[in-house]
Amino acid sequence: MLEARLGQSWETLMRRELFGPLGLASAGFGSPGRAGAIEQPFGHRRGPDGFETVDRAGGLYDIPAVVGPAGGVHISIPDLLKYLAAHCDRGALLTGQSWATLHTPPPGEATPWAGTWGPTGC
């Protein structure tokens, strides 16, 4: 919806509106690391002779681009802590009402969870 409304890709919007303001230098899209280089952890799957690494170059390693907003971002642990701190500190990135909306379960929700934020919050 944001892409259609603002005329920019999801990746551009994430860089501009989230990664940049929070200083998340390690944040990126897709699998971390470079194809052909063993520099990052990567997935395995059960094969006929036990577990085998998932082929990055063959397109089996990453999720399809269309579902990128559902899990296609990678980030270092220190930058993840910056992101989590923004939720707890409720800094200037969003308005107070926007933070409250993100942390409030939808009406009629059977669990006290709002997205992945639990009932105790930060």
PDB file of N, CA and C in Angstrom:
ATOM      1  N   MET A   1       0.822  -1.183   0.000  1.00  0.00           N
ATOM      2  CA  MET A   1       0.000   0.000   0.000  1.00  0.00           C
ATOM      3  C   MET A   1       0.874   1.257   0.000  1.00  0.00           C
ATOM      4  N   LEU A   2       1.934   1.221   0.794  1.00  0.00           N
ATOM      5  CA  LEU A   2       2.809   2.397   0.843  1.00  0.00           C
ATOM      6  C   LEU A   2       3.501   2.636  -0.491  1.00  0.00           C
ATOM      7  N   GLU A   3       3.908   1.563  -1.149  1.00  0.00           N
ATOM      8  CA  GLU A   3       4.537   1.726  -2.460  1.00  0.00           C
ATOM      9  C   GLU A   3       3.595   2.419  -3.425  1.00  0.00           C
ATOM     10  N   ALA A   4       2.340   1.982  -3.464  1.00  0.00           N
ATOM     11  CA  ALA A   4       1.364   2.577  -4.373  1.00  0.00           C
ATOM     12  C   ALA A   4       1.062   4.023  -3.979  1.00  0.00           C
ATOM     13  N   ARG A   5       0.913   4.268  -2.713  1.00  0.00           N
ATOM     14  CA  ARG A   5       0.551   5.608  -2.236  1.00  0.00           C
ATOM     15  C   ARG A   5       1.685   6.619  -2.411  1.00  0.00           C
ATOM     16  N   LEU A   6       2.926   6.198  -2.115  1.00  0.00           N
ATOM     17  CA  LEU A   6       4.052   7.120  -2.127  1.00  0.00           C
ATOM     18  C   LEU A   6       4.916   7.035  -3.385  1.00  0.00           C
ATOM     19  N   GLY A   7       4.662   6.022  -4.219  1.00  0.00           N
ATOM     20  CA  GLY A   7       5.402   5.904  -5.471  1.00  0.00           C
ATOM     21  C   GLY A   7       6.864   5.535  -5.297  1.00  0.00           C
ATOM     22  N   GLN A   8       7.197   4.877  -4.178  1.00  0.00           N
ATOM     23  CA  GLN A   8       8.560   4.429  -3.937  1.00  0.00           C
ATOM     24  C   GLN A   8       8.534   2.989  -3.465  1.00  0.00           C
ATOM     25  N   SER A   9       9.639   2.291  -3.685  1.00  0.00           N
ATOM     26  CA  SER A   9       9.696   0.887  -3.285  1.00  0.00           C
ATOM     27  C   SER A   9       9.709   0.756  -1.765  1.00  0.00           C
ATOM     28  N   TRP A  10       9.299  -0.416  -1.302  1.00  0.00           N
ATOM     29  CA  TRP A  10       9.320  -0.722   0.124  1.00  0.00           C
ATOM     30  C   TRP A  10      10.740  -0.579   0.663  1.00  0.00           C
ATOM     31  N   GLU A  11      11.728  -1.051  -0.087  1.00  0.00           N
ATOM     32  CA  GLU A  11      13.114  -0.965   0.344  1.00  0.00           C
ATOM     33  C   GLU A  11      13.568   0.490   0.507  1.00  0.00           C
ATOM     34  N   THR A  12      13.220   1.346  -0.436  1.00  0.00           N
ATOM     35  CA  THR A  12      13.572   2.765  -0.343  1.00  0.00           C
ATOM     36  C   THR A  12      12.931   3.406   0.874  1.00  0.00           C
ATOM     37  N   LEU A  13      11.668   3.110   1.099  1.00  0.00           N
ATOM     38  CA  LEU A  13      10.961   3.661   2.254  1.00  0.00           C
ATOM     39  C   LEU A  13      11.563   3.174   3.571  1.00  0.00           C
ATOM     40  N   MET A  14      11.922   1.897   3.640  1.00  0.00           N
ATOM     41  CA  MET A  14      12.537   1.368   4.856  1.00  0.00           C
ATOM     42  C   MET A  14      13.870   2.055   5.134  1.00  0.00           C
ATOM     43  N   ARG A  15      14.676   2.237   4.094  1.00  0.00           N
ATOM     44  CA  ARG A  15      15.970   2.915   4.282  1.00  0.00           C
ATOM     45  C   ARG A  15      15.761   4.348   4.776  1.00  0.00           C
ATOM     46  N   ARG A  16      14.837   5.049   4.129  1.00  0.00           N
ATOM     47  CA  ARG A  16      14.624   6.464   4.440  1.00  0.00           C
ATOM     48  C   ARG A  16      13.919   6.681   5.777  1.00  0.00           C
ATOM     49  N   GLU A  17      12.902   5.894   6.069  1.00  0.00           N
ATOM     50  CA  GLU A  17      12.054   6.148   7.230  1.00  0.00           C
ATOM     51  C   GLU A  17      12.454   5.381   8.494  1.00  0.00           C
ATOM     52  N   LEU A  18      13.205   4.308   8.352  1.00  0.00           N
ATOM     53  CA  LEU A  18      13.543   3.503   9.527  1.00  0.00           C
ATOM     54  C   LEU A  18      15.045   3.329   9.699  1.00  0.00           C
ATOM     55  N   PHE A  19      15.701   2.725   8.714  1.00  0.00           N
ATOM     56  CA  PHE A  19      17.125   2.437   8.851  1.00  0.00           C
ATOM     57  C   PHE A  19      17.940   3.716   9.059  1.00  0.00           C
ATOM     58  N   GLY A  20      17.696   4.730   8.247  1.00  0.00           N
ATOM     59  CA  GLY A  20      18.444   5.980   8.350  1.00  0.00           C
ATOM     60  C   GLY A  20      18.245   6.694   9.674  1.00  0.00           C
ATOM     61  N   PRO A  21      16.994   7.004  10.035  1.00  0.00           N
ATOM     62  CA  PRO A  21      16.770   7.725  11.294  1.00  0.00           C
ATOM     63  C   PRO A  21      17.285   6.999  12.540  1.00  0.00           C
ATOM     64  N   LEU A  22      17.255   5.668  12.539  1.00  0.00           N
ATOM     65  CA  LEU A  22      17.736   4.924  13.704  1.00  0.00           C
ATOM     66  C   LEU A  22      19.227   4.595  13.618  1.00  0.00           C
ATOM     67  N   GLY A  23      19.864   4.925  12.491  1.00  0.00           N
ATOM     68  CA  GLY A  23      21.290   4.640  12.334  1.00  0.00           C
ATOM     69  C   GLY A  23      21.592   3.158  12.230  1.00  0.00           C
ATOM     70  N   LEU A  24      20.734   2.417  11.547  1.00  0.00           N
ATOM     71  CA  LEU A  24      20.890   0.968  11.413  1.00  0.00           C
ATOM     72  C   LEU A  24      21.775   0.656  10.201  1.00  0.00           C
ATOM     73  N   ALA A  25      23.078   0.845  10.363  1.00  0.00           N
ATOM     74  CA  ALA A  25      24.021   0.706   9.253  1.00  0.00           C
ATOM     75  C   ALA A  25      24.094  -0.712   8.705  1.00  0.00           C
ATOM     76  N   SER A  26      23.827  -1.716   9.513  1.00  0.00           N
ATOM     77  CA  SER A  26      23.938  -3.102   9.055  1.00  0.00           C
ATOM     78  C   SER A  26      22.665  -3.613   8.386  1.00  0.00           C
ATOM     79  N   ALA A  27      21.573  -2.890   8.503  1.00  0.00           N
ATOM     80  CA  ALA A  27      20.287  -3.381   7.988  1.00  0.00           C
ATOM     81  C   ALA A  27      20.305  -3.462   6.470  1.00  0.00           C
ATOM     82  N   GLY A  28      19.728  -4.524   5.959  1.00  0.00           N
ATOM     83  CA  GLY A  28      19.635  -4.709   4.516  1.00  0.00           C
ATOM     84  C   GLY A  28      18.517  -5.663   4.173  1.00  0.00           C
ATOM     85  N   PHE A  29      18.432  -6.024   2.923  1.00  0.00           N
ATOM     86  CA  PHE A  29      17.328  -6.839   2.428  1.00  0.00           C
ATOM     87  C   PHE A  29      17.840  -8.157   1.879  1.00  0.00           C
ATOM     88  N   GLY A  30      17.041  -9.188   2.059  1.00  0.00           N
ATOM     89  CA  GLY A  30      17.433 -10.506   1.591  1.00  0.00           C
ATOM     90  C   GLY A  30      18.414 -11.149   2.550  1.00  0.00           C
ATOM     91  N   SER A  31      19.066 -12.182   2.091  1.00  0.00           N
ATOM     92  CA  SER A  31      20.019 -12.906   2.917  1.00  0.00           C
ATOM     93  C   SER A  31      21.280 -12.080   3.108  1.00  0.00           C
ATOM     94  N   PRO A  32      21.869 -12.108   4.301  1.00  0.00           N
ATOM     95  CA  PRO A  32      23.116 -11.385   4.496  1.00  0.00           C
ATOM     96  C   PRO A  32      24.265 -12.084   3.774  1.00  0.00           C
ATOM     97  N   GLY A  33      25.319 -11.345   3.547  1.00  0.00           N
ATOM     98  CA  GLY A  33      26.490 -11.921   2.899  1.00  0.00           C
ATOM     99  C   GLY A  33      26.399 -11.860   1.387  1.00  0.00           C
ATOM    100  N   ARG A  34      27.440 -12.366   0.750  1.00  0.00           N
ATOM    101  CA  ARG A  34      27.524 -12.350  -0.716  1.00  0.00           C
ATOM    102  C   ARG A  34      27.470 -13.770  -1.258  1.00  0.00           C
ATOM    103  N   ALA A  35      26.826 -13.936  -2.392  1.00  0.00           N
ATOM    104  CA  ALA A  35      26.761 -15.254  -3.036  1.00  0.00           C
ATOM    105  C   ALA A  35      28.173 -15.761  -3.280  1.00  0.00           C
ATOM    106  N   GLY A  36      28.413 -17.037  -2.988  1.00  0.00           N
ATOM    107  CA  GLY A  36      29.708 -17.647  -3.205  1.00  0.00           C
ATOM    108  C   GLY A  36      30.697 -17.438  -2.076  1.00  0.00           C
ATOM    109  N   ALA A  37      30.370 -16.597  -1.104  1.00  0.00           N
ATOM    110  CA  ALA A  37      31.266 -16.340   0.022  1.00  0.00           C
ATOM    111  C   ALA A  37      30.656 -16.927   1.288  1.00  0.00           C
ATOM    112  N   ILE A  38      31.467 -17.603   2.059  1.00  0.00           N
ATOM    113  CA  ILE A  38      30.989 -18.140   3.333  1.00  0.00           C
ATOM    114  C   ILE A  38      31.398 -17.137   4.405  1.00  0.00           C
ATOM    115  N   GLU A  39      30.552 -16.138   4.617  1.00  0.00           N
ATOM    116  CA  GLU A  39      30.850 -15.070   5.565  1.00  0.00           C
ATOM    117  C   GLU A  39      29.703 -14.810   6.522  1.00  0.00           C
ATOM    118  N   GLN A  40      28.604 -15.479   6.353  1.00  0.00           N
ATOM    119  CA  GLN A  40      27.434 -15.301   7.199  1.00  0.00           C
ATOM    120  C   GLN A  40      26.808 -16.672   7.435  1.00  0.00           C
ATOM    121  N   PRO A  41      26.068 -16.816   8.536  1.00  0.00           N
ATOM    122  CA  PRO A  41      25.330 -18.072   8.713  1.00  0.00           C
ATOM    123  C   PRO A  41      24.253 -18.201   7.641  1.00  0.00           C
ATOM    124  N   PHE A  42      23.972 -19.397   7.225  1.00  0.00           N
ATOM    125  CA  PHE A  42      22.888 -19.595   6.275  1.00  0.00           C
ATOM    126  C   PHE A  42      22.215 -20.931   6.522  1.00  0.00           C
ATOM    127  N   GLY A  43      21.044 -21.063   5.940  1.00  0.00           N
ATOM    128  CA  GLY A  43      20.167 -22.183   6.245  1.00  0.00           C
ATOM    129  C   GLY A  43      20.636 -23.536   5.755  1.00  0.00           C
ATOM    130  N   HIS A  44      20.040 -24.555   6.330  1.00  0.00           N
ATOM    131  CA  HIS A  44      20.264 -25.942   5.957  1.00  0.00           C
ATOM    132  C   HIS A  44      18.905 -26.618   5.804  1.00  0.00           C
ATOM    133  N   ARG A  45      18.889 -27.687   5.092  1.00  0.00           N
ATOM    134  CA  ARG A  45      17.674 -28.500   4.971  1.00  0.00           C
ATOM    135  C   ARG A  45      18.068 -29.968   4.993  1.00  0.00           C
ATOM    136  N   ARG A  46      17.118 -30.782   5.311  1.00  0.00           N
ATOM    137  CA  ARG A  46      17.381 -32.217   5.368  1.00  0.00           C
ATOM    138  C   ARG A  46      17.476 -32.753   3.937  1.00  0.00           C
ATOM    139  N   GLY A  47      18.554 -33.453   3.671  1.00  0.00           N
ATOM    140  CA  GLY A  47      18.759 -34.083   2.367  1.00  0.00           C
ATOM    141  C   GLY A  47      18.811 -35.580   2.525  1.00  0.00           C
ATOM    142  N   PRO A  48      19.055 -36.287   1.439  1.00  0.00           N
ATOM    143  CA  PRO A  48      19.057 -37.755   1.513  1.00  0.00           C
ATOM    144  C   PRO A  48      20.179 -38.300   2.402  1.00  0.00           C
ATOM    145  N   ASP A  49      21.270 -37.549   2.564  1.00  0.00           N
ATOM    146  CA  ASP A  49      22.406 -37.999   3.376  1.00  0.00           C
ATOM    147  C   ASP A  49      22.606 -37.143   4.616  1.00  0.00           C
ATOM    148  N   GLY A  50      21.555 -36.559   5.133  1.00  0.00           N
ATOM    149  CA  GLY A  50      21.665 -35.687   6.296  1.00  0.00           C
ATOM    150  C   GLY A  50      21.371 -34.249   5.908  1.00  0.00           C
ATOM    151  N   PHE A  51      21.895 -33.313   6.662  1.00  0.00           N
ATOM    152  CA  PHE A  51      21.638 -31.900   6.397  1.00  0.00           C
ATOM    153  C   PHE A  51      22.614 -31.364   5.360  1.00  0.00           C
ATOM    154  N   GLU A  52      22.109 -30.494   4.500  1.00  0.00           N
ATOM    155  CA  GLU A  52      22.944 -29.851   3.479  1.00  0.00           C
ATOM    156  C   GLU A  52      22.651 -28.360   3.485  1.00  0.00           C
ATOM    157  N   THR A  53      23.638 -27.564   3.075  1.00  0.00           N
ATOM    158  CA  THR A  53      23.412 -26.127   3.026  1.00  0.00           C
ATOM    159  C   THR A  53      22.441 -25.808   1.901  1.00  0.00           C
ATOM    160  N   VAL A  54      21.717 -24.738   2.078  1.00  0.00           N
ATOM    161  CA  VAL A  54      20.751 -24.306   1.076  1.00  0.00           C
ATOM    162  C   VAL A  54      21.487 -23.467   0.042  1.00  0.00           C
ATOM    163  N   ASP A  55      21.207 -23.713  -1.219  1.00  0.00           N
ATOM    164  CA  ASP A  55      21.900 -23.065  -2.327  1.00  0.00           C
ATOM    165  C   ASP A  55      21.474 -21.609  -2.470  1.00  0.00           C
ATOM    166  N   ARG A  56      22.385 -20.674  -2.160  1.00  0.00           N
ATOM    167  CA  ARG A  56      22.078 -19.253  -2.319  1.00  0.00           C
ATOM    168  C   ARG A  56      21.891 -18.894  -3.783  1.00  0.00           C
ATOM    169  N   ALA A  57      22.824 -19.301  -4.604  1.00  0.00           N
ATOM    170  CA  ALA A  57      22.803 -18.896  -6.015  1.00  0.00           C
ATOM    171  C   ALA A  57      21.595 -19.456  -6.750  1.00  0.00           C
ATOM    172  N   GLY A  58      21.111 -20.616  -6.328  1.00  0.00           N
ATOM    173  CA  GLY A  58      19.981 -21.239  -7.013  1.00  0.00           C
ATOM    174  C   GLY A  58      18.631 -20.664  -6.622  1.00  0.00           C
ATOM    175  N   GLY A  59      18.629 -19.656  -5.756  1.00  0.00           N
ATOM    176  CA  GLY A  59      17.380 -19.014  -5.385  1.00  0.00           C
ATOM    177  C   GLY A  59      16.594 -19.753  -4.321  1.00  0.00           C
ATOM    178  N   LEU A  60      17.169 -20.800  -3.749  1.00  0.00           N
ATOM    179  CA  LEU A  60      16.443 -21.558  -2.740  1.00  0.00           C
ATOM    180  C   LEU A  60      16.667 -21.013  -1.345  1.00  0.00           C
ATOM    181  N   TYR A  61      17.648 -20.147  -1.189  1.00  0.00           N
ATOM    182  CA  TYR A  61      18.028 -19.685   0.143  1.00  0.00           C
ATOM    183  C   TYR A  61      17.109 -18.605   0.687  1.00  0.00           C
ATOM    184  N   ASP A  62      16.700 -17.701  -0.147  1.00  0.00           N
ATOM    185  CA  ASP A  62      15.960 -16.540   0.317  1.00  0.00           C
ATOM    186  C   ASP A  62      14.471 -16.690   0.051  1.00  0.00           C
ATOM    187  N   ILE A  63      13.688 -15.871   0.744  1.00  0.00           N
ATOM    188  CA  ILE A  63      12.253 -15.865   0.499  1.00  0.00           C
ATOM    189  C   ILE A  63      11.970 -15.054  -0.771  1.00  0.00           C
ATOM    190  N   PRO A  64      10.852 -15.294  -1.443  1.00  0.00           N
ATOM    191  CA  PRO A  64      10.520 -14.500  -2.631  1.00  0.00           C
ATOM    192  C   PRO A  64      10.378 -13.013  -2.287  1.00  0.00           C
ATOM    193  N   ALA A  65      10.772 -12.145  -3.196  1.00  0.00           N
ATOM    194  CA  ALA A  65      10.735 -10.699  -2.959  1.00  0.00           C
ATOM    195  C   ALA A  65       9.349 -10.207  -2.577  1.00  0.00           C
ATOM    196  N   VAL A  66       8.317 -10.837  -3.105  1.00  0.00           N
ATOM    197  CA  VAL A  66       6.957 -10.379  -2.845  1.00  0.00           C
ATOM    198  C   VAL A  66       6.590 -10.458  -1.362  1.00  0.00           C
ATOM    199  N   VAL A  67       7.224 -11.342  -0.612  1.00  0.00           N
ATOM    200  CA  VAL A  67       6.953 -11.440   0.821  1.00  0.00           C
ATOM    201  C   VAL A  67       8.089 -10.840   1.654  1.00  0.00           C
ATOM    202  N   GLY A  68       8.944 -10.040   1.047  1.00  0.00           N
ATOM    203  CA  GLY A  68      10.035  -9.386   1.748  1.00  0.00           C
ATOM    204  C   GLY A  68       9.598  -8.626   2.984  1.00  0.00           C
ATOM    205  N   PRO A  69       8.505  -7.860   2.934  1.00  0.00           N
ATOM    206  CA  PRO A  69       8.068  -7.146   4.140  1.00  0.00           C
ATOM    207  C   PRO A  69       7.687  -8.068   5.300  1.00  0.00           C
ATOM    208  N   ALA A  70       7.493  -9.338   5.043  1.00  0.00           N
ATOM    209  CA  ALA A  70       7.133 -10.272   6.104  1.00  0.00           C
ATOM    210  C   ALA A  70       8.355 -10.962   6.705  1.00  0.00           C
ATOM    211  N   GLY A  71       9.545 -10.636   6.244  1.00  0.00           N
ATOM    212  CA  GLY A  71      10.725 -11.277   6.834  1.00  0.00           C
ATOM    213  C   GLY A  71      11.967 -11.211   5.985  1.00  0.00           C
ATOM    214  N   GLY A  72      12.071 -10.262   5.085  1.00  0.00           N
ATOM    215  CA  GLY A  72      13.226 -10.186   4.202  1.00  0.00           C
ATOM    216  C   GLY A  72      14.260  -9.168   4.610  1.00  0.00           C
ATOM    217  N   VAL A  73      14.367  -8.839   5.891  1.00  0.00           N
ATOM    218  CA  VAL A  73      15.347  -7.867   6.368  1.00  0.00           C
ATOM    219  C   VAL A  73      16.372  -8.595   7.232  1.00  0.00           C
ATOM    220  N   HIS A  74      17.639  -8.253   7.062  1.00  0.00           N
ATOM    221  CA  HIS A  74      18.661  -8.758   7.977  1.00  0.00           C
ATOM    222  C   HIS A  74      19.289  -7.577   8.701  1.00  0.00           C
ATOM    223  N   ILE A  75      19.811  -7.849   9.908  1.00  0.00           N
ATOM    224  CA  ILE A  75      20.333  -6.779  10.752  1.00  0.00           C
ATOM    225  C   ILE A  75      21.277  -7.384  11.791  1.00  0.00           C
ATOM    226  N   SER A  76      22.291  -6.629  12.191  1.00  0.00           N
ATOM    227  CA  SER A  76      23.215  -7.106  13.228  1.00  0.00           C
ATOM    228  C   SER A  76      22.542  -7.023  14.598  1.00  0.00           C
ATOM    229  N   ILE A  77      23.081  -7.727  15.554  1.00  0.00           N
ATOM    230  CA  ILE A  77      22.534  -7.695  16.915  1.00  0.00           C
ATOM    231  C   ILE A  77      22.599  -6.274  17.507  1.00  0.00           C
ATOM    232  N   PRO A  78      23.736  -5.551  17.388  1.00  0.00           N
ATOM    233  CA  PRO A  78      23.743  -4.185  17.942  1.00  0.00           C
ATOM    234  C   PRO A  78      22.684  -3.276  17.305  1.00  0.00           C
ATOM    235  N   ASP A  79      22.471  -3.410  15.993  1.00  0.00           N
ATOM    236  CA  ASP A  79      21.445  -2.597  15.343  1.00  0.00           C
ATOM    237  C   ASP A  79      20.045  -3.059  15.719  1.00  0.00           C
ATOM    238  N   LEU A  80      19.867  -4.355  15.939  1.00  0.00           N
ATOM    239  CA  LEU A  80      18.568  -4.846  16.406  1.00  0.00           C
ATOM    240  C   LEU A  80      18.246  -4.234  17.769  1.00  0.00           C
ATOM    241  N   LEU A  81      19.249  -4.105  18.621  1.00  0.00           N
ATOM    242  CA  LEU A  81      19.034  -3.480  19.928  1.00  0.00           C
ATOM    243  C   LEU A  81      18.639  -2.013  19.794  1.00  0.00           C
ATOM    244  N   LYS A  82      19.195  -1.312  18.811  1.00  0.00           N
ATOM    245  CA  LYS A  82      18.784   0.081  18.551  1.00  0.00           C
ATOM    246  C   LYS A  82      17.306   0.125  18.160  1.00  0.00           C
ATOM    247  N   TYR A  83      16.902  -0.807  17.298  1.00  0.00           N
ATOM    248  CA  TYR A  83      15.506  -0.874  16.861  1.00  0.00           C
ATOM    249  C   TYR A  83      14.581  -1.146  18.049  1.00  0.00           C
ATOM    250  N   LEU A  84      14.958  -2.123  18.875  1.00  0.00           N
ATOM    251  CA  LEU A  84      14.136  -2.450  20.039  1.00  0.00           C
ATOM    252  C   LEU A  84      14.093  -1.293  21.024  1.00  0.00           C
ATOM    253  N   ALA A  85      15.219  -0.606  21.202  1.00  0.00           N
ATOM    254  CA  ALA A  85      15.255   0.549  22.105  1.00  0.00           C
ATOM    255  C   ALA A  85      14.298   1.639  21.630  1.00  0.00           C
ATOM    256  N   ALA A  86      14.166   1.815  20.310  1.00  0.00           N
ATOM    257  CA  ALA A  86      13.228   2.819  19.786  1.00  0.00           C
ATOM    258  C   ALA A  86      11.811   2.507  20.242  1.00  0.00           C
ATOM    259  N   HIS A  87      11.454   1.219  20.284  1.00  0.00           N
ATOM    260  CA  HIS A  87      10.113   0.835  20.752  1.00  0.00           C
ATOM    261  C   HIS A  87       9.946   1.103  22.231  1.00  0.00           C
ATOM    262  N   CYS A  88      10.994   0.898  22.990  1.00  0.00           N
ATOM    263  CA  CYS A  88      10.905   1.082  24.445  1.00  0.00           C
ATOM    264  C   CYS A  88      11.061   2.538  24.850  1.00  0.00           C
ATOM    265  N   ASP A  89      11.933   3.262  24.173  1.00  0.00           N
ATOM    266  CA  ASP A  89      12.166   4.667  24.506  1.00  0.00           C
ATOM    267  C   ASP A  89      11.092   5.568  23.917  1.00  0.00           C
ATOM    268  N   ARG A  90      10.473   5.082  22.833  1.00  0.00           N
ATOM    269  CA  ARG A  90       9.427   5.836  22.134  1.00  0.00           C
ATOM    270  C   ARG A  90       9.914   7.232  21.762  1.00  0.00           C
ATOM    271  N   GLY A  91      11.065   7.247  21.099  1.00  0.00           N
ATOM    272  CA  GLY A  91      11.693   8.507  20.698  1.00  0.00           C
ATOM    273  C   GLY A  91      10.952   9.205  19.581  1.00  0.00           C
ATOM    274  N   ALA A  92      11.643  10.076  18.912  1.00  0.00           N
ATOM    275  CA  ALA A  92      11.049  10.984  17.938  1.00  0.00           C
ATOM    276  C   ALA A  92      10.729  10.331  16.596  1.00  0.00           C
ATOM    277  N   LEU A  93      11.024   9.058  16.427  1.00  0.00           N
ATOM    278  CA  LEU A  93      10.770   8.414  15.140  1.00  0.00           C
ATOM    279  C   LEU A  93       9.289   8.456  14.766  1.00  0.00           C
ATOM    280  N   LEU A  94       8.421   8.225  15.736  1.00  0.00           N
ATOM    281  CA  LEU A  94       6.969   8.234  15.523  1.00  0.00           C
ATOM    282  C   LEU A  94       6.313   9.107  16.592  1.00  0.00           C
ATOM    283  N   THR A  95       5.063   9.449  16.368  1.00  0.00           N
ATOM    284  CA  THR A  95       4.310  10.171  17.393  1.00  0.00           C
ATOM    285  C   THR A  95       3.948   9.204  18.521  1.00  0.00           C
ATOM    286  N   GLY A  96       3.618   9.754  19.668  1.00  0.00           N
ATOM    287  CA  GLY A  96       3.191   8.927  20.793  1.00  0.00           C
ATOM    288  C   GLY A  96       1.992   8.066  20.437  1.00  0.00           C
ATOM    289  N   GLN A  97       1.066   8.625  19.678  1.00  0.00           N
ATOM    290  CA  GLN A  97      -0.122   7.867  19.272  1.00  0.00           C
ATOM    291  C   GLN A  97       0.254   6.710  18.351  1.00  0.00           C
ATOM    292  N   SER A  98       1.209   6.927  17.454  1.00  0.00           N
ATOM    293  CA  SER A  98       1.642   5.845  16.555  1.00  0.00           C
ATOM    294  C   SER A  98       2.282   4.712  17.335  1.00  0.00           C
ATOM    295  N   TRP A  99       3.149   5.055  18.318  1.00  0.00           N
ATOM    296  CA  TRP A  99       3.743   4.006  19.157  1.00  0.00           C
ATOM    297  C   TRP A  99       2.654   3.245  19.900  1.00  0.00           C
ATOM    298  N   ALA A 100       1.683   3.960  20.464  1.00  0.00           N
ATOM    299  CA  ALA A 100       0.597   3.311  21.198  1.00  0.00           C
ATOM    300  C   ALA A 100      -0.195   2.375  20.290  1.00  0.00           C
ATOM    301  N   THR A 101      -0.443   2.792  19.066  1.00  0.00           N
ATOM    302  CA  THR A 101      -1.171   1.951  18.110  1.00  0.00           C
ATOM    303  C   THR A 101      -0.393   0.682  17.804  1.00  0.00           C
ATOM    304  N   LEU A 102       0.920   0.806  17.596  1.00  0.00           N
ATOM    305  CA  LEU A 102       1.748  -0.375  17.315  1.00  0.00           C
ATOM    306  C   LEU A 102       1.739  -1.374  18.459  1.00  0.00           C
ATOM    307  N   HIS A 103       1.588  -0.898  19.672  1.00  0.00           N
ATOM    308  CA  HIS A 103       1.671  -1.762  20.836  1.00  0.00           C
ATOM    309  C   HIS A 103       0.313  -2.114  21.442  1.00  0.00           C
ATOM    310  N   THR A 104      -0.766  -1.832  20.717  1.00  0.00           N
ATOM    311  CA  THR A 104      -2.111  -2.150  21.187  1.00  0.00           C
ATOM    312  C   THR A 104      -2.700  -3.272  20.331  1.00  0.00           C
ATOM    313  N   PRO A 105      -3.125  -4.366  20.966  1.00  0.00           N
ATOM    314  CA  PRO A 105      -3.745  -5.451  20.195  1.00  0.00           C
ATOM    315  C   PRO A 105      -4.999  -4.965  19.467  1.00  0.00           C
ATOM    316  N   PRO A 106      -5.318  -5.561  18.333  1.00  0.00           N
ATOM    317  CA  PRO A 106      -6.540  -5.191  17.618  1.00  0.00           C
ATOM    318  C   PRO A 106      -7.773  -5.479  18.467  1.00  0.00           C
ATOM    319  N   PRO A 107      -8.865  -4.739  18.268  1.00  0.00           N
ATOM    320  CA  PRO A 107     -10.096  -5.003  19.016  1.00  0.00           C
ATOM    321  C   PRO A 107     -10.561  -6.444  18.811  1.00  0.00           C
ATOM    322  N   GLY A 108     -10.959  -7.066  19.885  1.00  0.00           N
ATOM    323  CA  GLY A 108     -11.465  -8.433  19.803  1.00  0.00           C
ATOM    324  C   GLY A 108     -10.392  -9.498  19.718  1.00  0.00           C
ATOM    325  N   GLU A 109      -9.125  -9.109  19.782  1.00  0.00           N
ATOM    326  CA  GLU A 109      -8.027 -10.077  19.711  1.00  0.00           C
ATOM    327  C   GLU A 109      -8.074 -10.982  20.939  1.00  0.00           C
ATOM    328  N   ALA A 110      -7.927 -12.275  20.716  1.00  0.00           N
ATOM    329  CA  ALA A 110      -8.035 -13.243  21.807  1.00  0.00           C
ATOM    330  C   ALA A 110      -6.802 -13.254  22.704  1.00  0.00           C
ATOM    331  N   THR A 111      -5.669 -12.769  22.206  1.00  0.00           N
ATOM    332  CA  THR A 111      -4.448 -12.736  23.008  1.00  0.00           C
ATOM    333  C   THR A 111      -4.066 -11.290  23.297  1.00  0.00           C
ATOM    334  N   PRO A 112      -3.258 -11.059  24.313  1.00  0.00           N
ATOM    335  CA  PRO A 112      -2.849  -9.685  24.644  1.00  0.00           C
ATOM    336  C   PRO A 112      -1.655  -9.199  23.831  1.00  0.00           C
ATOM    337  N   TRP A 113      -1.402  -9.804  22.692  1.00  0.00           N
ATOM    338  CA  TRP A 113      -0.241  -9.460  21.877  1.00  0.00           C
ATOM    339  C   TRP A 113      -0.611  -8.450  20.806  1.00  0.00           C
ATOM    340  N   ALA A 114       0.275  -7.502  20.584  1.00  0.00           N
ATOM    341  CA  ALA A 114       0.138  -6.546  19.486  1.00  0.00           C
ATOM    342  C   ALA A 114       1.309  -6.798  18.548  1.00  0.00           C
ATOM    343  N   GLY A 115       1.050  -7.410  17.423  1.00  0.00           N
ATOM    344  CA  GLY A 115       2.151  -7.815  16.560  1.00  0.00           C
ATOM    345  C   GLY A 115       2.972  -8.827  17.310  1.00  0.00           C
ATOM    346  N   THR A 116       4.241  -8.534  17.547  1.00  0.00           N
ATOM    347  CA  THR A 116       5.091  -9.432  18.323  1.00  0.00           C
ATOM    348  C   THR A 116       5.380  -8.873  19.706  1.00  0.00           C
ATOM    349  N   TRP A 117       4.716  -7.799  20.082  1.00  0.00           N
ATOM    350  CA  TRP A 117       4.943  -7.180  21.400  1.00  0.00           C
ATOM    351  C   TRP A 117       4.004  -7.794  22.408  1.00  0.00           C
ATOM    352  N   GLY A 118       4.578  -8.339  23.478  1.00  0.00           N
ATOM    353  CA  GLY A 118       3.803  -9.020  24.496  1.00  0.00           C
ATOM    354  C   GLY A 118       3.126  -8.066  25.462  1.00  0.00           C
ATOM    355  N   PRO A 119       2.343  -8.620  26.366  1.00  0.00           N
ATOM    356  CA  PRO A 119       1.539  -7.820  27.279  1.00  0.00           C
ATOM    357  C   PRO A 119       2.363  -6.983  28.263  1.00  0.00           C
ATOM    358  N   THR A 120       3.603  -7.369  28.517  1.00  0.00           N
ATOM    359  CA  THR A 120       4.408  -6.602  29.465  1.00  0.00           C
ATOM    360  C   THR A 120       5.153  -5.455  28.789  1.00  0.00           C
ATOM    361  N   GLY A 121       5.162  -5.421  27.463  1.00  0.00           N
ATOM    362  CA  GLY A 121       5.842  -4.347  26.749  1.00  0.00           C
ATOM    363  C   GLY A 121       7.335  -4.375  26.963  1.00  0.00           C
ATOM    364  N   CYS A 122       7.918  -3.204  27.140  1.00  0.00           N
ATOM    365  CA  CYS A 122       9.376  -3.111  27.296  1.00  0.00           C
ATOM    366  C   CYS A 122       9.748  -3.333  28.693  1.00  0.00           C
TER     367      CYS A 122
END
